Amino acid sequence: MAQTVDVISELTADHREMDETFDIITQAVPAADRRSAAERLTIELVRHTVAEEEHLFPIVRAVFPDGNLIADREIADHARMEKILKDLEGLDADRPDFDRLVAALRAEVTAHAWDEEENLFPRLREACAQEALETVGDRIRRAKMLAPSSPGSTPPATVPLAPGLGLVDRARDLVTGADR
């Protein structure tokens, strides 16, 4: 029988994985390895944000009197991250803009994760039964298992899904099922 992990543990583990991937991006040589790590981070971040938007935020909206405000703020954070990911997309890792954008993305992700871990997650733990947290954790885990896990699992850039779609858009489409 699989070990049960609640939504808070699941999402916190995602945050640590993203930290590790940021470290790889900033330390990797050559540029192709940095670019590959940035693509992996894009997939991780899209999977994580979609999972939160589909499974966590509806509960936040339902459980807390200020739930709509919290969820809307979190979604705005996601939009800022996605904008940076799109700016980073396709950029050669040896360009100065690459490092600037990675640093900006890391600052956004770190602030977002810190806020969730220090504010939202403790409130959730207090407001929700452990069984409910485990159920949502299971939903998120299953959603992420169905999502692409690496840039290679997204359609190649040469496969036209729609005009102008890049890795971020293709990953979001695959995660949400919009490509079907």
N, C-alpha and C. Protein backbone atom coordinates (compact mmCIF):
# COMPACT_ATOMS: atom_id res chain seq x y z
N MET A 1 0.84 -1.18 0.00
CA MET A 1 0.00 0.00 0.00
C MET A 1 0.88 1.24 0.00
N ALA A 2 0.55 2.21 -0.82
CA ALA A 2 1.33 3.43 -0.93
C ALA A 2 1.17 4.28 0.33
N GLN A 3 2.24 4.95 0.67
CA GLN A 3 2.19 5.83 1.83
C GLN A 3 1.34 7.05 1.49
N THR A 4 0.50 7.44 2.42
CA THR A 4 -0.37 8.58 2.22
C THR A 4 0.38 9.85 2.59
N VAL A 5 0.36 10.81 1.67
CA VAL A 5 1.01 12.09 1.89
C VAL A 5 -0.04 13.16 1.66
N ASP A 6 -0.09 14.11 2.56
CA ASP A 6 -1.10 15.15 2.41
C ASP A 6 -0.65 16.23 1.43
N VAL A 7 -1.59 17.09 1.07
CA VAL A 7 -1.36 18.13 0.08
C VAL A 7 -0.21 19.06 0.51
N ILE A 8 -0.11 19.35 1.77
CA ILE A 8 0.93 20.26 2.25
C ILE A 8 2.30 19.63 2.05
N SER A 9 2.45 18.37 2.42
CA SER A 9 3.73 17.68 2.23
C SER A 9 4.07 17.55 0.75
N GLU A 10 3.08 17.25 -0.05
CA GLU A 10 3.28 17.09 -1.49
C GLU A 10 3.77 18.39 -2.13
N LEU A 11 3.10 19.49 -1.83
CA LEU A 11 3.48 20.77 -2.43
C LEU A 11 4.80 21.29 -1.87
N THR A 12 5.05 21.04 -0.60
CA THR A 12 6.33 21.45 -0.01
C THR A 12 7.48 20.67 -0.66
N ALA A 13 7.27 19.40 -0.94
CA ALA A 13 8.29 18.61 -1.64
C ALA A 13 8.55 19.20 -3.04
N ASP A 14 7.49 19.64 -3.71
CA ASP A 14 7.66 20.31 -5.01
C ASP A 14 8.55 21.54 -4.86
N HIS A 15 8.30 22.32 -3.81
CA HIS A 15 9.11 23.53 -3.59
C HIS A 15 10.58 23.18 -3.46
N ARG A 16 10.90 22.11 -2.72
CA ARG A 16 12.30 21.71 -2.54
C ARG A 16 12.90 21.24 -3.87
N GLU A 17 12.11 20.52 -4.68
CA GLU A 17 12.59 20.08 -6.00
C GLU A 17 12.91 21.28 -6.88
N MET A 18 12.07 22.30 -6.82
CA MET A 18 12.33 23.50 -7.61
C MET A 18 13.59 24.20 -7.12
N ASP A 19 13.79 24.26 -5.81
CA ASP A 19 15.04 24.83 -5.27
C ASP A 19 16.25 24.11 -5.85
N GLU A 20 16.20 22.78 -5.86
CA GLU A 20 17.30 21.98 -6.38
C GLU A 20 17.52 22.25 -7.87
N THR A 21 16.44 22.39 -8.62
CA THR A 21 16.58 22.65 -10.06
C THR A 21 17.15 24.04 -10.29
N PHE A 22 16.75 25.03 -9.50
CA PHE A 22 17.37 26.35 -9.61
C PHE A 22 18.87 26.26 -9.35
N ASP A 23 19.27 25.48 -8.35
CA ASP A 23 20.70 25.31 -8.07
C ASP A 23 21.43 24.72 -9.27
N ILE A 24 20.81 23.74 -9.92
CA ILE A 24 21.42 23.13 -11.11
C ILE A 24 21.58 24.17 -12.21
N ILE A 25 20.54 24.97 -12.42
CA ILE A 25 20.59 25.99 -13.47
C ILE A 25 21.74 26.96 -13.21
N THR A 26 21.90 27.40 -11.98
CA THR A 26 22.91 28.41 -11.68
C THR A 26 24.32 27.84 -11.64
N GLN A 27 24.46 26.52 -11.44
CA GLN A 27 25.79 25.93 -11.31
C GLN A 27 26.23 25.14 -12.54
N ALA A 28 25.31 24.79 -13.42
CA ALA A 28 25.63 23.90 -14.53
C ALA A 28 26.50 24.58 -15.58
N VAL A 29 27.38 23.76 -16.13
CA VAL A 29 28.19 24.14 -17.28
C VAL A 29 28.18 22.90 -18.15
N PRO A 30 28.00 22.93 -19.39
CA PRO A 30 27.90 24.08 -20.29
C PRO A 30 26.49 24.66 -20.35
N ALA A 31 26.35 25.65 -21.23
CA ALA A 31 25.08 26.35 -21.37
C ALA A 31 23.94 25.41 -21.74
N ALA A 32 24.23 24.38 -22.52
CA ALA A 32 23.17 23.43 -22.92
C ALA A 32 22.58 22.74 -21.70
N ASP A 33 23.40 22.44 -20.70
CA ASP A 33 22.90 21.82 -19.47
C ASP A 33 22.03 22.79 -18.69
N ARG A 34 22.41 24.06 -18.68
CA ARG A 34 21.61 25.09 -18.00
C ARG A 34 20.26 25.24 -18.69
N ARG A 35 20.29 25.24 -20.02
CA ARG A 35 19.06 25.37 -20.81
C ARG A 35 18.14 24.17 -20.54
N SER A 36 18.71 22.98 -20.51
CA SER A 36 17.93 21.77 -20.24
C SER A 36 17.31 21.82 -18.85
N ALA A 37 18.08 22.26 -17.86
CA ALA A 37 17.55 22.38 -16.49
C ALA A 37 16.43 23.42 -16.44
N ALA A 38 16.58 24.50 -17.18
CA ALA A 38 15.52 25.52 -17.22
C ALA A 38 14.24 24.95 -17.84
N GLU A 39 14.38 24.11 -18.82
CA GLU A 39 13.20 23.47 -19.42
C GLU A 39 12.55 22.51 -18.42
N ARG A 40 13.37 21.77 -17.67
CA ARG A 40 12.82 20.88 -16.63
C ARG A 40 12.08 21.70 -15.58
N LEU A 41 12.66 22.84 -15.20
CA LEU A 41 12.01 23.71 -14.22
C LEU A 41 10.67 24.21 -14.75
N THR A 42 10.62 24.56 -16.01
CA THR A 42 9.37 25.01 -16.62
C THR A 42 8.30 23.95 -16.46
N ILE A 43 8.64 22.70 -16.77
CA ILE A 43 7.67 21.61 -16.64
C ILE A 43 7.26 21.44 -15.19
N GLU A 44 8.24 21.42 -14.27
CA GLU A 44 7.92 21.26 -12.84
C GLU A 44 6.99 22.37 -12.36
N LEU A 45 7.30 23.58 -12.75
CA LEU A 45 6.52 24.73 -12.28
C LEU A 45 5.12 24.73 -12.86
N VAL A 46 4.98 24.39 -14.13
CA VAL A 46 3.65 24.33 -14.74
C VAL A 46 2.83 23.22 -14.08
N ARG A 47 3.43 22.05 -13.89
CA ARG A 47 2.70 20.95 -13.23
C ARG A 47 2.22 21.37 -11.84
N HIS A 48 3.11 22.02 -11.11
CA HIS A 48 2.80 22.44 -9.74
C HIS A 48 1.68 23.50 -9.73
N THR A 49 1.79 24.51 -10.57
CA THR A 49 0.80 25.58 -10.53
C THR A 49 -0.57 25.10 -11.00
N VAL A 50 -0.59 24.26 -12.02
CA VAL A 50 -1.87 23.73 -12.48
C VAL A 50 -2.50 22.87 -11.39
N ALA A 51 -1.70 22.05 -10.73
CA ALA A 51 -2.23 21.21 -9.64
C ALA A 51 -2.82 22.06 -8.54
N GLU A 52 -2.13 23.15 -8.19
CA GLU A 52 -2.68 24.03 -7.16
C GLU A 52 -3.99 24.67 -7.63
N GLU A 53 -3.99 25.16 -8.85
CA GLU A 53 -5.18 25.85 -9.36
C GLU A 53 -6.39 24.92 -9.47
N GLU A 54 -6.15 23.67 -9.85
CA GLU A 54 -7.26 22.73 -10.04
C GLU A 54 -7.72 22.06 -8.74
N HIS A 55 -6.79 21.85 -7.80
CA HIS A 55 -7.14 21.02 -6.64
C HIS A 55 -7.03 21.74 -5.29
N LEU A 56 -6.08 22.64 -5.15
CA LEU A 56 -5.90 23.32 -3.87
C LEU A 56 -6.78 24.55 -3.74
N PHE A 57 -6.75 25.41 -4.73
CA PHE A 57 -7.45 26.69 -4.60
C PHE A 57 -8.96 26.57 -4.44
N PRO A 58 -9.62 25.59 -5.06
CA PRO A 58 -11.06 25.45 -4.78
C PRO A 58 -11.32 25.21 -3.29
N ILE A 59 -10.45 24.47 -2.63
CA ILE A 59 -10.61 24.23 -1.19
C ILE A 59 -10.34 25.50 -0.41
N VAL A 60 -9.30 26.22 -0.80
CA VAL A 60 -8.98 27.50 -0.15
C VAL A 60 -10.18 28.43 -0.25
N ARG A 61 -10.79 28.49 -1.42
CA ARG A 61 -11.97 29.36 -1.61
C ARG A 61 -13.13 28.93 -0.72
N ALA A 62 -13.29 27.63 -0.55
CA ALA A 62 -14.43 27.11 0.21
C ALA A 62 -14.22 27.17 1.72
N VAL A 63 -12.99 27.04 2.18
CA VAL A 63 -12.72 26.89 3.61
C VAL A 63 -12.55 28.23 4.33
N PHE A 64 -11.97 29.20 3.68
CA PHE A 64 -11.63 30.45 4.35
C PHE A 64 -12.55 31.60 3.93
N PRO A 65 -12.93 32.46 4.87
CA PRO A 65 -13.73 33.62 4.51
C PRO A 65 -13.02 34.52 3.48
N ASP A 66 -11.69 34.57 3.56
CA ASP A 66 -10.91 35.35 2.61
C ASP A 66 -10.30 34.46 1.52
N GLY A 67 -10.90 33.29 1.31
CA GLY A 67 -10.37 32.31 0.38
C GLY A 67 -10.28 32.79 -1.06
N ASN A 68 -11.28 33.55 -1.50
CA ASN A 68 -11.22 34.08 -2.87
C ASN A 68 -10.03 35.02 -3.04
N LEU A 69 -9.82 35.87 -2.07
CA LEU A 69 -8.69 36.80 -2.11
C LEU A 69 -7.36 36.04 -2.13
N ILE A 70 -7.25 35.03 -1.27
CA ILE A 70 -6.02 34.24 -1.20
C ILE A 70 -5.77 33.54 -2.54
N ALA A 71 -6.78 32.84 -3.04
CA ALA A 71 -6.62 32.09 -4.29
C ALA A 71 -6.31 33.02 -5.45
N ASP A 72 -6.99 34.15 -5.51
CA ASP A 72 -6.72 35.11 -6.59
C ASP A 72 -5.30 35.65 -6.52
N ARG A 73 -4.81 35.90 -5.31
CA ARG A 73 -3.43 36.38 -5.14
C ARG A 73 -2.44 35.30 -5.58
N GLU A 74 -2.73 34.06 -5.23
CA GLU A 74 -1.85 32.95 -5.62
C GLU A 74 -1.83 32.80 -7.15
N ILE A 75 -2.98 32.92 -7.77
CA ILE A 75 -3.07 32.82 -9.23
C ILE A 75 -2.32 33.97 -9.89
N ALA A 76 -2.38 35.15 -9.31
CA ALA A 76 -1.61 36.28 -9.83
C ALA A 76 -0.11 36.00 -9.73
N ASP A 77 0.31 35.38 -8.62
CA ASP A 77 1.71 34.96 -8.49
C ASP A 77 2.08 34.01 -9.63
N HIS A 78 1.21 33.04 -9.89
CA HIS A 78 1.46 32.07 -10.95
C HIS A 78 1.59 32.78 -12.30
N ALA A 79 0.75 33.75 -12.55
CA ALA A 79 0.80 34.47 -13.82
C ALA A 79 2.12 35.21 -13.99
N ARG A 80 2.63 35.81 -12.89
CA ARG A 80 3.92 36.49 -12.97
C ARG A 80 5.04 35.49 -13.27
N MET A 81 4.98 34.33 -12.63
CA MET A 81 6.00 33.29 -12.89
C MET A 81 5.92 32.82 -14.33
N GLU A 82 4.72 32.61 -14.82
CA GLU A 82 4.55 32.13 -16.18
C GLU A 82 5.05 33.15 -17.20
N LYS A 83 4.86 34.43 -16.91
CA LYS A 83 5.36 35.49 -17.79
C LYS A 83 6.89 35.42 -17.87
N ILE A 84 7.54 35.23 -16.73
CA ILE A 84 9.00 35.13 -16.73
C ILE A 84 9.43 33.86 -17.48
N LEU A 85 8.72 32.76 -17.27
CA LEU A 85 9.04 31.53 -18.00
C LEU A 85 8.95 31.74 -19.50
N LYS A 86 7.94 32.46 -19.94
CA LYS A 86 7.79 32.72 -21.38
C LYS A 86 8.92 33.61 -21.88
N ASP A 87 9.34 34.59 -21.07
CA ASP A 87 10.47 35.45 -21.46
C ASP A 87 11.76 34.64 -21.54
N LEU A 88 11.88 33.65 -20.67
CA LEU A 88 13.07 32.80 -20.60
C LEU A 88 13.10 31.76 -21.72
N GLU A 89 11.93 31.40 -22.19
CA GLU A 89 11.80 30.34 -23.19
C GLU A 89 12.60 30.64 -24.45
N GLY A 90 13.40 29.65 -24.84
CA GLY A 90 14.15 29.77 -26.08
C GLY A 90 15.39 30.65 -25.99
N LEU A 91 15.61 31.27 -24.85
CA LEU A 91 16.75 32.16 -24.67
C LEU A 91 18.00 31.32 -24.44
N ASP A 92 19.07 31.60 -25.16
CA ASP A 92 20.32 30.89 -24.96
C ASP A 92 20.82 31.11 -23.55
N ALA A 93 21.28 30.04 -22.91
CA ALA A 93 21.71 30.10 -21.51
C ALA A 93 23.00 30.88 -21.33
N ASP A 94 23.70 31.18 -22.40
CA ASP A 94 24.92 31.97 -22.26
C ASP A 94 24.68 33.47 -22.44
N ARG A 95 23.42 33.86 -22.61
CA ARG A 95 23.07 35.27 -22.72
C ARG A 95 22.89 35.88 -21.34
N PRO A 96 23.28 37.12 -21.12
CA PRO A 96 23.11 37.76 -19.80
C PRO A 96 21.65 37.82 -19.35
N ASP A 97 20.73 37.97 -20.28
CA ASP A 97 19.30 38.02 -19.93
C ASP A 97 18.84 36.71 -19.28
N PHE A 98 19.46 35.60 -19.68
CA PHE A 98 19.10 34.31 -19.12
C PHE A 98 19.29 34.33 -17.60
N ASP A 99 20.47 34.74 -17.16
CA ASP A 99 20.74 34.78 -15.71
C ASP A 99 19.82 35.75 -14.98
N ARG A 100 19.56 36.89 -15.59
CA ARG A 100 18.67 37.89 -14.97
C ARG A 100 17.26 37.32 -14.81
N LEU A 101 16.77 36.64 -15.84
CA LEU A 101 15.43 36.07 -15.78
C LEU A 101 15.35 34.90 -14.81
N VAL A 102 16.38 34.07 -14.77
CA VAL A 102 16.40 32.96 -13.81
C VAL A 102 16.38 33.53 -12.39
N ALA A 103 17.15 34.59 -12.15
CA ALA A 103 17.17 35.20 -10.81
C ALA A 103 15.79 35.79 -10.47
N ALA A 104 15.15 36.44 -11.43
CA ALA A 104 13.82 37.01 -11.19
C ALA A 104 12.80 35.90 -10.92
N LEU A 105 12.89 34.81 -11.68
CA LEU A 105 11.98 33.69 -11.48
C LEU A 105 12.21 33.05 -10.13
N ARG A 106 13.46 32.89 -9.77
CA ARG A 106 13.77 32.28 -8.47
C ARG A 106 13.21 33.14 -7.34
N ALA A 107 13.35 34.46 -7.46
CA ALA A 107 12.81 35.36 -6.42
C ALA A 107 11.30 35.21 -6.32
N GLU A 108 10.60 35.14 -7.45
CA GLU A 108 9.14 34.97 -7.45
C GLU A 108 8.74 33.64 -6.83
N VAL A 109 9.39 32.57 -7.27
CA VAL A 109 9.05 31.23 -6.79
C VAL A 109 9.35 31.12 -5.29
N THR A 110 10.50 31.64 -4.87
CA THR A 110 10.88 31.56 -3.46
C THR A 110 9.90 32.33 -2.58
N ALA A 111 9.52 33.53 -3.00
CA ALA A 111 8.56 34.32 -2.22
C ALA A 111 7.21 33.62 -2.16
N HIS A 112 6.78 33.06 -3.28
CA HIS A 112 5.50 32.36 -3.34
C HIS A 112 5.52 31.13 -2.43
N ALA A 113 6.58 30.34 -2.52
CA ALA A 113 6.68 29.13 -1.70
C ALA A 113 6.75 29.49 -0.22
N TRP A 114 7.52 30.51 0.11
CA TRP A 114 7.64 30.93 1.51
C TRP A 114 6.27 31.33 2.05
N ASP A 115 5.52 32.12 1.28
CA ASP A 115 4.20 32.57 1.73
C ASP A 115 3.27 31.37 1.94
N GLU A 116 3.29 30.42 1.02
CA GLU A 116 2.45 29.24 1.19
C GLU A 116 2.85 28.46 2.45
N GLU A 117 4.15 28.23 2.61
CA GLU A 117 4.61 27.40 3.72
C GLU A 117 4.45 28.08 5.08
N GLU A 118 4.58 29.38 5.12
CA GLU A 118 4.50 30.10 6.39
C GLU A 118 3.10 30.58 6.74
N ASN A 119 2.27 30.79 5.73
CA ASN A 119 0.93 31.35 5.98
C ASN A 119 -0.21 30.41 5.59
N LEU A 120 -0.27 30.06 4.31
CA LEU A 120 -1.40 29.27 3.82
C LEU A 120 -1.42 27.85 4.40
N PHE A 121 -0.29 27.15 4.34
CA PHE A 121 -0.29 25.76 4.77
C PHE A 121 -0.63 25.59 6.25
N PRO A 122 -0.09 26.42 7.14
CA PRO A 122 -0.50 26.27 8.54
C PRO A 122 -2.00 26.51 8.74
N ARG A 123 -2.55 27.48 8.01
CA ARG A 123 -3.99 27.73 8.11
C ARG A 123 -4.78 26.53 7.61
N LEU A 124 -4.33 25.93 6.50
CA LEU A 124 -5.00 24.75 5.98
C LEU A 124 -4.95 23.60 6.97
N ARG A 125 -3.78 23.39 7.56
CA ARG A 125 -3.62 22.29 8.51
C ARG A 125 -4.59 22.46 9.68
N GLU A 126 -4.80 23.70 10.09
CA GLU A 126 -5.71 23.95 11.22
C GLU A 126 -7.18 23.84 10.81
N ALA A 127 -7.49 24.24 9.58
CA ALA A 127 -8.89 24.31 9.15
C ALA A 127 -9.44 23.01 8.58
N CYS A 128 -8.56 22.14 8.10
CA CYS A 128 -9.03 20.94 7.39
C CYS A 128 -8.65 19.68 8.16
N ALA A 129 -9.52 18.70 8.06
CA ALA A 129 -9.23 17.39 8.63
C ALA A 129 -8.07 16.76 7.86
N GLN A 130 -7.26 15.98 8.55
CA GLN A 130 -6.11 15.32 7.92
C GLN A 130 -6.55 14.48 6.72
N GLU A 131 -7.68 13.81 6.85
CA GLU A 131 -8.17 12.98 5.75
C GLU A 131 -8.43 13.82 4.49
N ALA A 132 -9.00 15.00 4.67
CA ALA A 132 -9.25 15.88 3.52
C ALA A 132 -7.93 16.34 2.89
N LEU A 133 -6.94 16.66 3.73
CA LEU A 133 -5.64 17.07 3.21
C LEU A 133 -4.99 15.92 2.44
N GLU A 134 -5.16 14.70 2.91
CA GLU A 134 -4.61 13.53 2.23
C GLU A 134 -5.33 13.27 0.91
N THR A 135 -6.63 13.47 0.88
CA THR A 135 -7.40 13.30 -0.35
C THR A 135 -6.93 14.27 -1.42
N VAL A 136 -6.75 15.52 -1.04
CA VAL A 136 -6.27 16.52 -2.00
C VAL A 136 -4.84 16.21 -2.41
N GLY A 137 -4.02 15.76 -1.47
CA GLY A 137 -2.66 15.36 -1.81
C GLY A 137 -2.65 14.24 -2.84
N ASP A 138 -3.55 13.29 -2.68
CA ASP A 138 -3.66 12.19 -3.64
C ASP A 138 -4.11 12.70 -5.01
N ARG A 139 -5.06 13.60 -5.04
CA ARG A 139 -5.52 14.17 -6.32
C ARG A 139 -4.38 14.89 -7.03
N ILE A 140 -3.62 15.66 -6.27
CA ILE A 140 -2.50 16.40 -6.85
C ILE A 140 -1.44 15.44 -7.37
N ARG A 141 -1.14 14.42 -6.61
CA ARG A 141 -0.14 13.43 -7.02
C ARG A 141 -0.57 12.75 -8.33
N ARG A 142 -1.84 12.36 -8.39
CA ARG A 142 -2.34 11.71 -9.61
C ARG A 142 -2.31 12.68 -10.80
N ALA A 143 -2.68 13.94 -10.57
CA ALA A 143 -2.66 14.93 -11.65
C ALA A 143 -1.24 15.13 -12.17
N LYS A 144 -0.29 15.16 -11.26
CA LYS A 144 1.10 15.36 -11.68
C LYS A 144 1.65 14.12 -12.39
N MET A 145 1.18 12.95 -12.02
CA MET A 145 1.63 11.72 -12.70
C MET A 145 1.17 11.70 -14.15
N LEU A 146 0.03 12.29 -14.43
CA LEU A 146 -0.49 12.33 -15.79
C LEU A 146 0.13 13.45 -16.61
N ALA A 147 0.79 14.37 -15.93
CA ALA A 147 1.38 15.52 -16.60
C ALA A 147 2.75 15.17 -17.15
N PRO A 148 3.24 15.96 -18.08
CA PRO A 148 4.58 15.71 -18.59
C PRO A 148 5.61 15.86 -17.48
N SER A 149 6.63 15.04 -17.51
CA SER A 149 7.64 15.09 -16.45
C SER A 149 8.97 15.62 -16.93
N SER A 150 9.09 15.83 -18.22
CA SER A 150 10.33 16.38 -18.76
C SER A 150 10.02 17.09 -20.05
N PRO A 151 10.91 17.97 -20.49
CA PRO A 151 10.65 18.66 -21.75
C PRO A 151 10.47 17.69 -22.91
N GLY A 152 11.14 16.55 -22.88
CA GLY A 152 11.00 15.57 -23.94
C GLY A 152 9.62 14.95 -24.02
N SER A 153 8.83 15.06 -22.95
CA SER A 153 7.50 14.47 -22.98
C SER A 153 6.46 15.44 -23.49
N THR A 154 6.88 16.66 -23.79
CA THR A 154 5.97 17.59 -24.44
C THR A 154 6.15 17.40 -25.94
N PRO A 155 5.19 17.80 -26.73
CA PRO A 155 5.37 17.66 -28.17
C PRO A 155 6.60 18.45 -28.62
N PRO A 156 7.34 17.95 -29.60
CA PRO A 156 8.49 18.70 -30.08
C PRO A 156 8.07 20.07 -30.58
N ALA A 157 9.00 20.99 -30.55
CA ALA A 157 8.70 22.36 -30.97
C ALA A 157 8.25 22.39 -32.43
N THR A 158 8.61 21.38 -33.20
CA THR A 158 8.22 21.35 -34.61
C THR A 158 6.79 20.89 -34.82
N VAL A 159 6.15 20.38 -33.78
CA VAL A 159 4.76 19.94 -33.90
C VAL A 159 3.87 21.13 -33.61
N PRO A 160 3.16 21.61 -34.62
CA PRO A 160 2.34 22.81 -34.39
C PRO A 160 1.05 22.46 -33.65
N LEU A 161 0.96 22.88 -32.40
CA LEU A 161 -0.29 22.71 -31.65
C LEU A 161 -1.20 23.89 -31.95
N ALA A 162 -0.61 25.03 -32.03
CA ALA A 162 -1.32 26.27 -32.36
C ALA A 162 -0.24 27.31 -32.63
N PRO A 163 -0.54 28.30 -33.43
CA PRO A 163 0.46 29.31 -33.73
C PRO A 163 0.95 30.00 -32.46
N GLY A 164 2.26 30.14 -32.37
CA GLY A 164 2.84 30.92 -31.27
C GLY A 164 2.97 30.18 -29.96
N LEU A 165 2.62 28.91 -29.90
CA LEU A 165 2.73 28.19 -28.63
C LEU A 165 4.16 27.77 -28.40
N GLY A 166 4.67 28.10 -27.23
CA GLY A 166 6.00 27.68 -26.84
C GLY A 166 5.91 26.59 -25.79
N LEU A 167 7.06 26.28 -25.17
CA LEU A 167 7.12 25.20 -24.19
C LEU A 167 6.15 25.42 -23.04
N VAL A 168 6.06 26.65 -22.53
CA VAL A 168 5.16 26.92 -21.40
C VAL A 168 3.72 26.62 -21.77
N ASP A 169 3.31 27.09 -22.94
CA ASP A 169 1.93 26.87 -23.38
C ASP A 169 1.67 25.40 -23.67
N ARG A 170 2.63 24.72 -24.32
CA ARG A 170 2.45 23.30 -24.62
C ARG A 170 2.37 22.50 -23.33
N ALA A 171 3.23 22.84 -22.36
CA ALA A 171 3.21 22.12 -21.08
C ALA A 171 1.88 22.35 -20.37
N ARG A 172 1.41 23.59 -20.33
CA ARG A 172 0.13 23.88 -19.68
C ARG A 172 -0.99 23.12 -20.38
N ASP A 173 -0.99 23.08 -21.71
CA ASP A 173 -2.02 22.35 -22.45
C ASP A 173 -1.99 20.86 -22.12
N LEU A 174 -0.79 20.29 -22.03
CA LEU A 174 -0.69 18.88 -21.70
C LEU A 174 -1.16 18.59 -20.27
N VAL A 175 -0.76 19.45 -19.35
CA VAL A 175 -1.12 19.25 -17.95
C VAL A 175 -2.62 19.37 -17.76
N THR A 176 -3.23 20.34 -18.40
CA THR A 176 -4.66 20.55 -18.22
C THR A 176 -5.53 19.69 -19.14
N GLY A 177 -4.89 19.04 -20.11
CA GLY A 177 -5.64 18.23 -21.05
C GLY A 177 -6.21 19.02 -22.21
N ALA A 178 -5.82 20.27 -22.34
CA ALA A 178 -6.35 21.11 -23.42
C ALA A 178 -5.85 20.66 -24.78
N ASP A 179 -4.82 19.82 -24.81
CA ASP A 179 -4.28 19.34 -26.09
C ASP A 179 -5.07 18.17 -26.65
N ARG A 180 -6.03 17.67 -25.89
CA ARG A 180 -6.78 16.48 -26.34
C ARG A 180 -7.99 16.85 -27.13
